[in-house]
Amino acid sequence: MYLETFRRRPLVLLAAVLLPVLVIVSGWRALRASVGISEDAAQFDRELARREPEVIVFGSSLANRGVDLPVLARSLGIKEEKILLMQLPHSSLAHWYELLKNRVYANGHEPKLVLVVDAFTSMLNHDLLHDMQSNVDRLVAQMTASEPEVASKVFHIDDPEQFREYFVRQRASEYRQSLLDSYRDQVIGLL
């Protein structure tokens, strides 16, 4: 009965063969491709490119509440638009390191001054980072899969391959979205 249906409808047979192949090939391609940077990281990149700041203020919510940008600009003799506040809630030294490394310097920005504003304990104690999963998520969102210093000092992972696996697990939802986008693009491209 099924064979007769396939003989009368060759497109059904073709779809039955091609659809699984399409799913497997596009999934393989998506998993081989690296997931781009997180939306938070992309937002910082856009703001840096738009403003080209001379001064960058890093910190947690304390920086947001504790730094008067107009006063700082007047004190430094620069326009307020040349100061960029890069604030992450509950951030730590590891967050600021990643922001400076991957968002600022990796994109060719060269601020004249970088200020770090936060409680002293956040600057020195990496273990506070692990108290909240959202802190880990925010840190990993600013990282790349190859971060030996932070992998070792913050996550206590010295094997680069083991850290890559950890990194992928932490960004799993972005990988899933990348896989779904790839499927959608492949199907639309095929149609």
Protein backbone atom coordinates (compact mmCIF):
# COMPACT_ATOMS: atom_id res chain seq x y z
CA MET A 1 0.00 0.00 0.00
CA TYR A 2 2.75 2.50 0.95
CA LEU A 3 4.83 1.50 -2.06
CA GLU A 4 1.90 2.20 -4.36
CA THR A 5 1.51 5.66 -2.82
CA PHE A 6 5.19 6.41 -3.47
CA ARG A 7 4.89 5.27 -7.10
CA ARG A 8 1.97 7.61 -7.67
CA ARG A 9 3.54 10.48 -5.74
CA PRO A 10 7.27 10.73 -6.44
CA LEU A 11 7.47 14.10 -4.64
CA VAL A 12 6.45 12.38 -1.40
CA LEU A 13 9.30 9.91 -1.85
CA LEU A 14 11.72 12.69 -2.70
CA ALA A 15 10.66 14.68 0.40
CA ALA A 16 10.92 11.55 2.57
CA VAL A 17 14.53 11.10 1.46
CA LEU A 18 15.67 14.71 1.24
CA LEU A 19 14.16 16.08 4.43
CA PRO A 20 16.19 13.87 6.82
CA VAL A 21 19.33 14.56 4.76
CA LEU A 22 18.61 18.31 4.97
CA VAL A 23 18.12 18.11 8.74
CA ILE A 24 21.34 16.14 9.26
CA VAL A 25 23.48 18.31 6.95
CA SER A 26 22.23 21.65 8.25
CA GLY A 27 22.54 20.47 11.86
CA TRP A 28 26.11 19.35 11.23
CA ARG A 29 26.95 22.69 9.62
CA ALA A 30 25.37 24.64 12.47
CA LEU A 31 27.25 22.70 15.13
CA ARG A 32 30.54 23.17 13.29
CA ALA A 33 29.98 26.90 13.02
CA SER A 34 30.78 28.87 16.12
CA VAL A 35 27.99 30.73 17.78
CA GLY A 36 28.46 34.44 17.49
CA ILE A 37 28.82 36.72 20.43
CA SER A 38 25.97 37.12 22.87
CA GLU A 39 23.44 39.93 22.50
CA ASP A 40 24.90 41.66 25.58
CA ALA A 41 28.36 41.57 24.03
CA ALA A 42 27.02 42.81 20.68
CA GLN A 43 25.28 45.68 22.47
CA PHE A 44 28.54 46.70 24.16
CA ASP A 45 30.33 46.46 20.77
CA ARG A 46 27.73 48.72 19.12
CA GLU A 47 27.94 51.29 21.91
CA LEU A 48 31.74 51.32 21.79
CA ALA A 49 31.73 51.77 18.02
CA ARG A 50 29.13 54.53 18.20
CA ARG A 51 30.81 56.50 20.99
CA GLU A 52 34.58 55.79 20.68
CA PRO A 53 35.03 56.68 24.36
CA GLU A 54 38.12 58.25 25.85
CA VAL A 55 37.11 57.02 29.31
CA ILE A 56 35.42 53.72 30.16
CA VAL A 57 33.87 53.10 33.57
CA PHE A 58 33.45 49.41 34.45
CA GLY A 59 31.47 48.17 37.37
CA SER A 60 28.37 46.71 38.88
CA SER A 61 25.31 48.69 39.86
CA LEU A 62 27.57 50.63 42.23
CA ALA A 63 29.20 52.24 39.18
CA ASN A 64 25.78 53.08 37.82
CA ARG A 65 24.73 54.79 41.06
CA GLY A 66 28.10 55.97 42.34
CA VAL A 67 29.63 57.79 39.38
CA ASP A 68 28.37 61.21 38.40
CA LEU A 69 29.31 61.26 34.69
CA PRO A 70 28.85 65.04 34.19
CA VAL A 71 31.13 65.77 37.16
CA LEU A 72 33.69 63.21 35.93
CA ALA A 73 33.64 64.73 32.43
CA ARG A 74 34.15 68.28 33.77
CA SER A 75 36.94 67.07 36.08
CA LEU A 76 38.76 65.40 33.19
CA GLY A 77 38.06 68.24 30.75
CA ILE A 78 36.25 66.05 28.21
CA LYS A 79 32.75 65.86 26.79
CA GLU A 80 30.35 63.63 28.68
CA GLU A 81 29.67 61.69 25.44
CA LYS A 82 33.29 60.51 25.54
CA ILE A 83 32.66 58.58 28.77
CA LEU A 84 31.07 55.14 28.49
CA LEU A 85 29.66 53.29 31.48
CA MET A 86 29.90 49.53 30.88
CA GLN A 87 27.87 48.19 33.78
CA LEU A 88 26.97 44.57 34.48
CA PRO A 89 24.90 43.63 37.54
CA HIS A 90 26.86 41.74 40.22
CA SER A 91 29.99 41.85 38.08
CA SER A 92 33.49 41.02 39.24
CA LEU A 93 37.07 41.42 38.15
CA ALA A 94 36.67 38.50 35.72
CA HIS A 95 33.76 40.27 33.99
CA TRP A 96 35.73 43.49 33.60
CA TYR A 97 38.77 41.61 32.32
CA GLU A 98 36.64 39.93 29.65
CA LEU A 99 34.93 43.20 28.70
CA LEU A 100 38.27 44.97 28.39
CA LYS A 101 39.90 42.12 26.49
CA ASN A 102 37.08 41.01 24.17
CA ARG A 103 34.92 44.11 23.77
CA VAL A 104 37.38 47.00 24.04
CA TYR A 105 40.89 45.97 22.95
CA ALA A 106 39.87 43.15 20.58
CA ASN A 107 37.81 45.69 18.62
CA GLY A 108 40.63 48.23 18.37
CA HIS A 109 39.39 50.72 20.95
CA GLU A 110 42.05 52.54 22.96
CA PRO A 111 40.54 54.51 25.82
CA LYS A 112 42.83 56.93 27.64
CA LEU A 113 41.46 55.91 31.03
CA VAL A 114 39.64 52.86 32.42
CA LEU A 115 37.98 53.18 35.83
CA VAL A 116 36.72 50.21 37.82
CA VAL A 117 34.06 51.05 40.37
CA ASP A 118 32.83 48.37 42.76
CA ALA A 119 33.19 46.89 46.21
CA PHE A 120 36.69 45.66 46.97
CA THR A 121 35.47 42.11 47.71
CA SER A 122 34.09 41.78 44.16
CA MET A 123 37.47 42.70 42.75
CA LEU A 124 39.40 40.10 44.69
CA ASN A 125 37.10 37.16 45.39
CA HIS A 126 36.26 35.05 42.30
CA ASP A 127 34.26 32.62 44.42
CA LEU A 128 31.52 35.23 44.82
CA LEU A 129 30.94 34.81 41.10
CA HIS A 130 29.61 31.29 41.57
CA ASP A 131 26.96 32.30 44.12
CA MET A 132 24.54 33.15 41.31
CA GLN A 133 24.24 31.33 37.97
CA SER A 134 23.30 34.63 36.32
CA ASN A 135 26.79 35.95 37.22
CA VAL A 136 28.38 32.99 35.44
CA ASP A 137 26.07 33.48 32.45
CA ARG A 138 27.00 37.17 32.19
CA LEU A 139 30.69 36.30 32.35
CA VAL A 140 30.51 33.53 29.74
CA ALA A 141 28.50 35.86 27.47
CA GLN A 142 31.56 38.13 27.23
CA MET A 143 34.06 35.30 26.68
CA THR A 144 35.34 33.28 23.76
CA ALA A 145 35.82 29.51 23.83
CA SER A 146 39.56 30.02 24.34
CA GLU A 147 40.17 31.80 27.63
CA PRO A 148 42.96 30.01 29.51
CA GLU A 149 43.44 32.65 32.24
CA VAL A 150 39.82 32.92 33.29
CA ALA A 151 39.21 29.20 32.75
CA SER A 152 41.99 28.39 35.18
CA LYS A 153 41.60 31.15 37.77
CA VAL A 154 37.82 31.45 37.92
CA PHE A 155 36.44 28.10 36.78
CA HIS A 156 39.45 26.00 37.90
CA ILE A 157 39.63 24.28 34.50
CA ASP A 158 43.17 23.93 33.11
CA ASP A 159 42.42 21.68 30.12
CA PRO A 160 41.47 23.87 27.10
CA GLU A 161 39.24 21.14 25.61
CA GLN A 162 37.40 20.69 28.89
CA PHE A 163 36.83 24.45 29.04
CA ARG A 164 35.49 24.50 25.47
CA GLU A 165 32.95 21.84 26.48
CA TYR A 166 32.00 23.87 29.56
CA PHE A 167 31.69 27.01 27.41
CA VAL A 168 29.40 25.22 24.93
CA ARG A 169 27.19 23.91 27.76
CA GLN A 170 26.92 27.41 29.23
CA ARG A 171 25.88 28.85 25.86
CA ALA A 172 23.66 25.91 24.90
CA SER A 173 20.56 28.01 24.31
CA GLU A 174 22.46 30.16 21.81
CA TYR A 175 23.71 27.00 20.06
CA ARG A 176 20.15 25.69 19.91
CA GLN A 177 18.98 28.96 18.39
CA SER A 178 21.83 28.83 15.88
CA LEU A 179 20.81 25.29 14.93
CA LEU A 180 17.17 26.29 14.46
CA ASP A 181 18.19 29.34 12.41
CA SER A 182 20.33 27.11 10.23
CA TYR A 183 17.42 24.71 9.65
CA ARG A 184 15.14 27.59 8.77
CA ASP A 185 17.70 29.11 6.38
CA GLN A 186 18.34 25.77 4.69
CA VAL A 187 14.63 25.08 4.18
CA ILE A 188 13.93 28.57 2.88
CA GLY A 189 16.97 28.35 0.61
CA LEU A 190 15.75 25.00 -0.71
CA LEU A 191 12.27 26.35 -1.40
